[in-house]
PDB file of all heavy atoms in Angstrom:
ATOM      1  N   ARG A   1      34.444  -7.440 -47.096  1.00  0.00           N
ATOM      2  CA  ARG A   1      33.070  -7.796 -46.870  1.00  0.00           C
ATOM      3  C   ARG A   1      32.750  -9.049 -47.604  1.00  0.00           C
ATOM      4  O   ARG A   1      33.014  -9.142 -48.759  1.00  0.00           O
ATOM      5  CB  ARG A   1      32.252  -6.510 -47.257  1.00  0.00           C
ATOM      6  CG  ARG A   1      32.457  -5.301 -46.464  1.00  0.00           C
ATOM      7  CD  ARG A   1      31.672  -3.988 -46.941  1.00  0.00           C
ATOM      8  NE  ARG A   1      32.053  -2.976 -46.059  1.00  0.00           N
ATOM      9  CZ  ARG A   1      31.461  -1.772 -46.224  1.00  0.00           C
ATOM     10  NH1 ARG A   1      30.725  -1.519 -47.317  1.00  0.00           N
ATOM     11  NH2 ARG A   1      31.623  -0.790 -45.483  1.00  0.00           N
ATOM     12  N   VAL A   2      31.938  -9.865 -47.051  1.00  0.00           N
ATOM     13  CA  VAL A   2      31.412 -11.129 -47.589  1.00  0.00           C
ATOM     14  C   VAL A   2      29.956 -11.150 -47.439  1.00  0.00           C
ATOM     15  O   VAL A   2      29.365 -11.272 -46.400  1.00  0.00           O
ATOM     16  CB  VAL A   2      32.066 -12.405 -46.927  1.00  0.00           C
ATOM     17  CG1 VAL A   2      31.617 -13.629 -47.569  1.00  0.00           C
ATOM     18  CG2 VAL A   2      33.661 -12.231 -47.073  1.00  0.00           C
ATOM     19  N   VAL A   3      29.282 -11.267 -48.620  1.00  0.00           N
ATOM     20  CA  VAL A   3      27.810 -11.377 -48.637  1.00  0.00           C
ATOM     21  C   VAL A   3      27.351 -12.932 -48.298  1.00  0.00           C
ATOM     22  O   VAL A   3      27.932 -13.846 -49.124  1.00  0.00           O
ATOM     23  CB  VAL A   3      27.035 -10.997 -49.849  1.00  0.00           C
ATOM     24  CG1 VAL A   3      25.682 -11.440 -49.841  1.00  0.00           C
ATOM     25  CG2 VAL A   3      27.278  -9.593 -50.079  1.00  0.00           C
ATOM     26  N   LEU A   4      26.714 -13.296 -47.251  1.00  0.00           N
ATOM     27  CA  LEU A   4      26.320 -14.594 -46.871  1.00  0.00           C
ATOM     28  C   LEU A   4      24.989 -14.939 -47.501  1.00  0.00           C
ATOM     29  O   LEU A   4      24.016 -14.293 -46.912  1.00  0.00           O
ATOM     30  CB  LEU A   4      26.417 -14.900 -45.312  1.00  0.00           C
ATOM     31  CG  LEU A   4      25.933 -16.166 -44.768  1.00  0.00           C
ATOM     32  CD1 LEU A   4      26.733 -17.379 -45.454  1.00  0.00           C
ATOM     33  CD2 LEU A   4      26.010 -16.140 -43.354  1.00  0.00           C
ATOM     34  N   LEU A   5      24.895 -15.843 -48.321  1.00  0.00           N
ATOM     35  CA  LEU A   5      23.588 -16.200 -48.962  1.00  0.00           C
ATOM     36  C   LEU A   5      23.379 -17.715 -48.598  1.00  0.00           C
ATOM     37  O   LEU A   5      23.785 -18.630 -49.432  1.00  0.00           O
ATOM     38  CB  LEU A   5      23.597 -16.066 -50.385  1.00  0.00           C
ATOM     39  CG  LEU A   5      23.686 -14.663 -50.887  1.00  0.00           C
ATOM     40  CD1 LEU A   5      24.224 -14.459 -52.222  1.00  0.00           C
ATOM     41  CD2 LEU A   5      22.321 -13.840 -50.816  1.00  0.00           C
ATOM     42  N   ALA A   6      22.598 -17.999 -47.494  1.00  0.00           N
ATOM     43  CA  ALA A   6      22.352 -19.259 -47.068  1.00  0.00           C
ATOM     44  C   ALA A   6      21.150 -19.373 -46.387  1.00  0.00           C
ATOM     45  O   ALA A   6      20.720 -18.494 -45.617  1.00  0.00           O
ATOM     46  CB  ALA A   6      23.470 -19.874 -46.291  1.00  0.00           C
ATOM     47  N   PRO A   7      20.364 -20.520 -46.554  1.00  0.00           N
ATOM     48  CA  PRO A   7      19.171 -20.706 -45.696  1.00  0.00           C
ATOM     49  C   PRO A   7      19.421 -20.979 -44.187  1.00  0.00           C
ATOM     50  O   PRO A   7      20.549 -21.215 -43.822  1.00  0.00           O
ATOM     51  CB  PRO A   7      18.480 -21.987 -46.444  1.00  0.00           C
ATOM     52  CG  PRO A   7      19.707 -22.783 -46.921  1.00  0.00           C
ATOM     53  CD  PRO A   7      20.710 -21.718 -47.364  1.00  0.00           C
ATOM     54  N   GLU A   8      18.345 -20.977 -43.417  1.00  0.00           N
ATOM     55  CA  GLU A   8      18.588 -21.236 -42.032  1.00  0.00           C
ATOM     56  C   GLU A   8      19.041 -22.689 -41.886  1.00  0.00           C
ATOM     57  O   GLU A   8      18.812 -23.555 -42.573  1.00  0.00           O
ATOM     58  CB  GLU A   8      17.252 -21.202 -41.239  1.00  0.00           C
ATOM     59  CG  GLU A   8      16.449 -19.894 -41.339  1.00  0.00           C
ATOM     60  CD  GLU A   8      15.555 -19.687 -42.510  1.00  0.00           C
ATOM     61  OE1 GLU A   8      15.757 -20.503 -43.532  1.00  0.00           O
ATOM     62  OE2 GLU A   8      14.635 -18.907 -42.337  1.00  0.00           O
ATOM     63  N   GLY A   9      20.030 -22.853 -40.807  1.00  0.00           N
ATOM     64  CA  GLY A   9      20.554 -24.023 -40.629  1.00  0.00           C
ATOM     65  C   GLY A   9      22.013 -24.074 -40.264  1.00  0.00           C
ATOM     66  O   GLY A   9      22.652 -23.010 -40.051  1.00  0.00           O
ATOM     67  N   VAL A  10      22.640 -25.291 -40.314  1.00  0.00           N
ATOM     68  CA  VAL A  10      23.980 -25.506 -39.888  1.00  0.00           C
ATOM     69  C   VAL A  10      24.935 -24.642 -40.809  1.00  0.00           C
ATOM     70  O   VAL A  10      25.973 -24.078 -40.336  1.00  0.00           O
ATOM     71  CB  VAL A  10      24.395 -27.010 -39.869  1.00  0.00           C
ATOM     72  CG1 VAL A  10      25.869 -27.218 -39.670  1.00  0.00           C
ATOM     73  CG2 VAL A  10      23.591 -27.721 -38.798  1.00  0.00           C
ATOM     74  N   GLU A  11      24.729 -24.767 -42.120  1.00  0.00           N
ATOM     75  CA  GLU A  11      25.485 -23.951 -43.068  1.00  0.00           C
ATOM     76  C   GLU A  11      25.628 -22.585 -42.802  1.00  0.00           C
ATOM     77  O   GLU A  11      26.542 -21.914 -43.026  1.00  0.00           O
ATOM     78  CB  GLU A  11      25.100 -24.454 -44.462  1.00  0.00           C
ATOM     79  CG  GLU A  11      25.401 -25.903 -44.881  1.00  0.00           C
ATOM     80  CD  GLU A  11      24.792 -26.404 -46.123  1.00  0.00           C
ATOM     81  OE1 GLU A  11      23.757 -26.099 -46.360  1.00  0.00           O
ATOM     82  OE2 GLU A  11      25.580 -27.066 -46.928  1.00  0.00           O
ATOM     83  N   PHE A  12      24.353 -21.940 -42.482  1.00  0.00           N
ATOM     84  CA  PHE A  12      24.332 -20.602 -42.314  1.00  0.00           C
ATOM     85  C   PHE A  12      25.196 -20.215 -41.109  1.00  0.00           C
ATOM     86  O   PHE A  12      26.092 -19.235 -40.992  1.00  0.00           O
ATOM     87  CB  PHE A  12      22.873 -20.127 -41.954  1.00  0.00           C
ATOM     88  CG  PHE A  12      22.806 -18.632 -41.720  1.00  0.00           C
ATOM     89  CD1 PHE A  12      22.426 -17.800 -42.692  1.00  0.00           C
ATOM     90  CD2 PHE A  12      22.959 -18.070 -40.479  1.00  0.00           C
ATOM     91  CE1 PHE A  12      22.303 -16.447 -42.550  1.00  0.00           C
ATOM     92  CE2 PHE A  12      22.950 -16.818 -40.265  1.00  0.00           C
ATOM     93  CZ  PHE A  12      22.484 -15.866 -41.221  1.00  0.00           C
ATOM     94  N   ILE A  13      25.043 -21.044 -39.936  1.00  0.00           N
ATOM     95  CA  ILE A  13      25.839 -20.803 -38.881  1.00  0.00           C
ATOM     96  C   ILE A  13      27.415 -20.879 -39.065  1.00  0.00           C
ATOM     97  O   ILE A  13      28.234 -20.088 -38.659  1.00  0.00           O
ATOM     98  CB  ILE A  13      25.501 -21.640 -37.715  1.00  0.00           C
ATOM     99  CG1 ILE A  13      23.947 -21.350 -37.281  1.00  0.00           C
ATOM    100  CG2 ILE A  13      26.364 -21.705 -36.476  1.00  0.00           C
ATOM    101  CD1 ILE A  13      23.880 -19.982 -36.663  1.00  0.00           C
ATOM    102  N   ALA A  14      27.678 -21.982 -39.896  1.00  0.00           N
ATOM    103  CA  ALA A  14      29.132 -22.155 -40.188  1.00  0.00           C
ATOM    104  C   ALA A  14      29.548 -20.965 -41.022  1.00  0.00           C
ATOM    105  O   ALA A  14      30.854 -20.531 -40.824  1.00  0.00           O
ATOM    106  CB  ALA A  14      29.356 -23.481 -40.951  1.00  0.00           C
ATOM    107  N   GLY A  15      28.833 -20.580 -41.992  1.00  0.00           N
ATOM    108  CA  GLY A  15      29.249 -19.353 -42.822  1.00  0.00           C
ATOM    109  C   GLY A  15      29.418 -18.149 -41.982  1.00  0.00           C
ATOM    110  O   GLY A  15      30.456 -17.380 -42.113  1.00  0.00           O
ATOM    111  N   PHE A  16      28.471 -17.924 -41.111  1.00  0.00           N
ATOM    112  CA  PHE A  16      28.488 -16.728 -40.200  1.00  0.00           C
ATOM    113  C   PHE A  16      29.749 -16.627 -39.421  1.00  0.00           C
ATOM    114  O   PHE A  16      30.532 -15.719 -39.439  1.00  0.00           O
ATOM    115  CB  PHE A  16      27.260 -16.575 -39.378  1.00  0.00           C
ATOM    116  CG  PHE A  16      27.031 -15.293 -38.602  1.00  0.00           C
ATOM    117  CD1 PHE A  16      26.563 -14.166 -39.084  1.00  0.00           C
ATOM    118  CD2 PHE A  16      27.708 -15.316 -37.354  1.00  0.00           C
ATOM    119  CE1 PHE A  16      26.588 -12.999 -38.393  1.00  0.00           C
ATOM    120  CE2 PHE A  16      27.608 -13.995 -36.659  1.00  0.00           C
ATOM    121  CZ  PHE A  16      27.114 -12.942 -37.209  1.00  0.00           C
ATOM    122  N   PHE A  17      29.991 -17.808 -38.633  1.00  0.00           N
ATOM    123  CA  PHE A  17      31.103 -17.653 -37.757  1.00  0.00           C
ATOM    124  C   PHE A  17      32.437 -17.924 -38.541  1.00  0.00           C
ATOM    125  O   PHE A  17      33.492 -17.636 -37.997  1.00  0.00           O
ATOM    126  CB  PHE A  17      30.930 -18.771 -36.637  1.00  0.00           C
ATOM    127  CG  PHE A  17      30.047 -18.314 -35.635  1.00  0.00           C
ATOM    128  CD1 PHE A  17      28.665 -18.849 -35.507  1.00  0.00           C
ATOM    129  CD2 PHE A  17      30.522 -17.375 -34.581  1.00  0.00           C
ATOM    130  CE1 PHE A  17      27.733 -18.253 -34.499  1.00  0.00           C
ATOM    131  CE2 PHE A  17      29.651 -16.999 -33.644  1.00  0.00           C
ATOM    132  CZ  PHE A  17      28.389 -17.398 -33.579  1.00  0.00           C
ATOM    133  N   GLY A  18      32.338 -18.441 -39.725  1.00  0.00           N
ATOM    134  CA  GLY A  18      33.581 -18.555 -40.589  1.00  0.00           C
ATOM    135  C   GLY A  18      34.036 -17.162 -40.922  1.00  0.00           C
ATOM    136  O   GLY A  18      35.288 -16.929 -40.883  1.00  0.00           O
ATOM    137  N   CYS A  19      33.147 -16.343 -41.314  1.00  0.00           N
ATOM    138  CA  CYS A  19      33.455 -14.969 -41.546  1.00  0.00           C
ATOM    139  C   CYS A  19      34.126 -14.387 -40.297  1.00  0.00           C
ATOM    140  O   CYS A  19      35.092 -13.548 -40.409  1.00  0.00           O
ATOM    141  CB  CYS A  19      32.215 -14.177 -42.004  1.00  0.00           C
ATOM    142  SG  CYS A  19      31.705 -14.722 -43.670  1.00  0.00           S
ATOM    143  N   ILE A  20      33.306 -14.467 -39.216  1.00  0.00           N
ATOM    144  CA  ILE A  20      33.872 -13.814 -38.003  1.00  0.00           C
ATOM    145  C   ILE A  20      35.302 -14.263 -37.578  1.00  0.00           C
ATOM    146  O   ILE A  20      36.144 -13.597 -37.166  1.00  0.00           O
ATOM    147  CB  ILE A  20      32.998 -14.099 -36.769  1.00  0.00           C
ATOM    148  CG1 ILE A  20      31.535 -13.530 -37.028  1.00  0.00           C
ATOM    149  CG2 ILE A  20      33.469 -13.790 -35.457  1.00  0.00           C
ATOM    150  CD1 ILE A  20      31.583 -11.959 -37.225  1.00  0.00           C
ATOM    151  N   LEU A  21      35.519 -15.696 -37.708  1.00  0.00           N
ATOM    152  CA  LEU A  21      36.820 -16.235 -37.346  1.00  0.00           C
ATOM    153  C   LEU A  21      37.886 -15.675 -38.288  1.00  0.00           C
ATOM    154  O   LEU A  21      39.094 -15.601 -37.869  1.00  0.00           O
ATOM    155  CB  LEU A  21      36.631 -17.648 -37.421  1.00  0.00           C
ATOM    156  CG  LEU A  21      37.700 -18.541 -36.713  1.00  0.00           C
ATOM    157  CD1 LEU A  21      37.640 -18.303 -35.161  1.00  0.00           C
ATOM    158  CD2 LEU A  21      37.543 -20.035 -36.913  1.00  0.00           C
ATOM    159  N   ALA A  22      37.619 -15.422 -39.538  1.00  0.00           N
ATOM    160  CA  ALA A  22      38.582 -14.958 -40.542  1.00  0.00           C
ATOM    161  C   ALA A  22      38.696 -13.382 -40.431  1.00  0.00           C
ATOM    162  O   ALA A  22      39.439 -12.946 -41.313  1.00  0.00           O
ATOM    163  CB  ALA A  22      38.193 -15.526 -41.979  1.00  0.00           C
ATOM    164  N   ALA A  23      38.023 -12.911 -39.532  1.00  0.00           N
ATOM    165  CA  ALA A  23      37.980 -11.330 -39.472  1.00  0.00           C
ATOM    166  C   ALA A  23      37.530 -10.728 -40.820  1.00  0.00           C
ATOM    167  O   ALA A  23      38.005  -9.653 -41.246  1.00  0.00           O
ATOM    168  CB  ALA A  23      39.311 -10.820 -39.201  1.00  0.00           C
ATOM    169  N   ARG A  24      36.508 -11.359 -41.373  1.00  0.00           N
ATOM    170  CA  ARG A  24      35.865 -10.746 -42.630  1.00  0.00           C
ATOM    171  C   ARG A  24      34.461 -10.216 -42.105  1.00  0.00           C
ATOM    172  O   ARG A  24      33.994 -10.559 -41.095  1.00  0.00           O
ATOM    173  CB  ARG A  24      35.495 -11.740 -43.659  1.00  0.00           C
ATOM    174  CG  ARG A  24      36.638 -12.025 -44.609  1.00  0.00           C
ATOM    175  CD  ARG A  24      38.012 -12.392 -44.064  1.00  0.00           C
ATOM    176  NE  ARG A  24      38.877 -12.799 -45.089  1.00  0.00           N
ATOM    177  CZ  ARG A  24      40.170 -12.986 -44.849  1.00  0.00           C
ATOM    178  NH1 ARG A  24      40.620 -12.976 -43.471  1.00  0.00           N
ATOM    179  NH2 ARG A  24      41.035 -13.453 -45.791  1.00  0.00           N
ATOM    180  N   VAL A  25      34.012  -9.174 -42.654  1.00  0.00           N
ATOM    181  CA  VAL A  25      32.667  -8.493 -42.351  1.00  0.00           C
ATOM    182  C   VAL A  25      31.574  -9.208 -43.062  1.00  0.00           C
ATOM    183  O   VAL A  25      31.496  -9.207 -44.221  1.00  0.00           O
ATOM    184  CB  VAL A  25      32.786  -7.062 -42.760  1.00  0.00           C
ATOM    185  CG1 VAL A  25      31.421  -6.363 -42.412  1.00  0.00           C
ATOM    186  CG2 VAL A  25      33.939  -6.301 -42.097  1.00  0.00           C
ATOM    187  N   VAL A  26      30.789  -9.904 -42.301  1.00  0.00           N
ATOM    188  CA  VAL A  26      29.742 -10.706 -42.753  1.00  0.00           C
ATOM    189  C   VAL A  26      28.504  -9.853 -43.075  1.00  0.00           C
ATOM    190  O   VAL A  26      28.150  -9.075 -42.287  1.00  0.00           O
ATOM    191  CB  VAL A  26      29.371 -11.929 -41.973  1.00  0.00           C
ATOM    192  CG1 VAL A  26      29.015 -11.491 -40.578  1.00  0.00           C
ATOM    193  CG2 VAL A  26      28.398 -12.854 -42.574  1.00  0.00           C
ATOM    194  N   VAL A  27      27.966 -10.049 -44.288  1.00  0.00           N
ATOM    195  CA  VAL A  27      26.725  -9.353 -44.713  1.00  0.00           C
ATOM    196  C   VAL A  27      25.653 -10.405 -44.923  1.00  0.00           C
ATOM    197  O   VAL A  27      25.622 -10.824 -46.013  1.00  0.00           O
ATOM    198  CB  VAL A  27      27.012  -8.444 -45.928  1.00  0.00           C
ATOM    199  CG1 VAL A  27      25.665  -7.759 -46.321  1.00  0.00           C
ATOM    200  CG2 VAL A  27      28.264  -7.602 -45.797  1.00  0.00           C
ATOM    201  N   PRO A  28      24.888 -10.902 -43.951  1.00  0.00           N
ATOM    202  CA  PRO A  28      23.831 -11.817 -44.138  1.00  0.00           C
ATOM    203  C   PRO A  28      22.730 -11.292 -44.924  1.00  0.00           C
ATOM    204  O   PRO A  28      22.218 -10.257 -44.480  1.00  0.00           O
ATOM    205  CB  PRO A  28      23.597 -12.281 -42.733  1.00  0.00           C
ATOM    206  CG  PRO A  28      23.772 -11.061 -41.904  1.00  0.00           C
ATOM    207  CD  PRO A  28      25.016 -10.428 -42.595  1.00  0.00           C
ATOM    208  N   THR A  29      22.108 -12.066 -45.885  1.00  0.00           N
ATOM    209  CA  THR A  29      20.897 -11.752 -46.447  1.00  0.00           C
ATOM    210  C   THR A  29      20.220 -12.969 -47.040  1.00  0.00           C
ATOM    211  O   THR A  29      20.788 -14.141 -46.987  1.00  0.00           O
ATOM    212  CB  THR A  29      21.083 -10.692 -47.590  1.00  0.00           C
ATOM    213  OG1 THR A  29      19.885 -10.219 -48.135  1.00  0.00           O
ATOM    214  CG2 THR A  29      21.856 -11.342 -48.802  1.00  0.00           C
ATOM    215  N   TYR A  30      19.008 -12.841 -47.282  1.00  0.00           N
ATOM    216  CA  TYR A  30      18.221 -14.082 -47.725  1.00  0.00           C
ATOM    217  C   TYR A  30      18.735 -14.514 -49.123  1.00  0.00           C
ATOM    218  O   TYR A  30      18.990 -13.849 -49.932  1.00  0.00           O
ATOM    219  CB  TYR A  30      16.762 -13.683 -47.906  1.00  0.00           C
ATOM    220  CG  TYR A  30      16.136 -13.137 -46.642  1.00  0.00           C
ATOM    221  CD1 TYR A  30      15.935 -11.855 -46.421  1.00  0.00           C
ATOM    222  CD2 TYR A  30      15.762 -14.119 -45.648  1.00  0.00           C
ATOM    223  CE1 TYR A  30      15.264 -11.487 -45.244  1.00  0.00           C
ATOM    224  CE2 TYR A  30      15.230 -13.670 -44.374  1.00  0.00           C
ATOM    225  CZ  TYR A  30      14.974 -12.291 -44.303  1.00  0.00           C
ATOM    226  OH  TYR A  30      14.501 -11.937 -43.000  1.00  0.00           O
ATOM    227  N   PRO A  31      18.844 -16.014 -49.208  1.00  0.00           N
ATOM    228  CA  PRO A  31      19.277 -16.366 -50.440  1.00  0.00           C
ATOM    229  C   PRO A  31      18.239 -16.364 -51.526  1.00  0.00           C
ATOM    230  O   PRO A  31      17.089 -16.282 -51.197  1.00  0.00           O
ATOM    231  CB  PRO A  31      19.593 -17.922 -50.079  1.00  0.00           C
ATOM    232  CG  PRO A  31      18.689 -18.170 -48.952  1.00  0.00           C
ATOM    233  CD  PRO A  31      18.629 -16.996 -48.160  1.00  0.00           C
ATOM    234  N   PRO A  32      18.582 -16.123 -52.740  1.00  0.00           N
ATOM    235  CA  PRO A  32      17.617 -15.951 -53.932  1.00  0.00           C
ATOM    236  C   PRO A  32      16.755 -17.244 -54.188  1.00  0.00           C
ATOM    237  O   PRO A  32      17.324 -18.440 -53.975  1.00  0.00           O
ATOM    238  CB  PRO A  32      18.505 -15.666 -55.003  1.00  0.00           C
ATOM    239  CG  PRO A  32      19.848 -16.370 -54.815  1.00  0.00           C
ATOM    240  CD  PRO A  32      19.914 -16.233 -53.293  1.00  0.00           C
ATOM    241  N   LEU A  33      15.563 -17.044 -54.309  1.00  0.00           N
ATOM    242  CA  LEU A  33      14.601 -18.299 -54.598  1.00  0.00           C
ATOM    243  C   LEU A  33      14.714 -18.648 -56.133  1.00  0.00           C
ATOM    244  O   LEU A  33      14.252 -19.791 -56.435  1.00  0.00           O
ATOM    245  CB  LEU A  33      13.254 -17.949 -54.148  1.00  0.00           C
ATOM    246  CG  LEU A  33      13.086 -17.618 -52.717  1.00  0.00           C
ATOM    247  CD1 LEU A  33      11.529 -17.142 -52.531  1.00  0.00           C
ATOM    248  CD2 LEU A  33      13.453 -18.867 -51.853  1.00  0.00           C
ATOM    249  N   THR A  34      15.281 -17.742 -56.927  1.00  0.00           N
ATOM    250  CA  THR A  34      15.415 -17.963 -58.307  1.00  0.00           C
ATOM    251  C   THR A  34      16.503 -17.463 -58.901  1.00  0.00           C
ATOM    252  O   THR A  34      17.219 -16.421 -58.224  1.00  0.00           O
ATOM    253  CB  THR A  34      14.034 -17.418 -58.990  1.00  0.00           C
ATOM    254  OG1 THR A  34      14.239 -17.744 -60.481  1.00  0.00           O
ATOM    255  CG2 THR A  34      13.908 -16.041 -58.729  1.00  0.00           C
ATOM    256  N   SER A  35      17.046 -17.757 -60.157  1.00  0.00           N
ATOM    257  CA  SER A  35      18.171 -17.167 -60.813  1.00  0.00           C
ATOM    258  C   SER A  35      17.655 -16.116 -61.713  1.00  0.00           C
ATOM    259  O   SER A  35      18.483 -15.473 -62.482  1.00  0.00           O
ATOM    260  CB  SER A  35      18.962 -18.170 -61.565  1.00  0.00           C
ATOM    261  OG  SER A  35      18.159 -18.840 -62.596  1.00  0.00           O
TER     262      SER A  35
END
């Protein structure tokens, strides 16, 4: 399982389908606004 923390856009799509292509289970969620 891989937690995807990325804003809307190209990088989110690349991350999502990268997980799918590598047969990892993608867990998309909102990126943190602060540390």
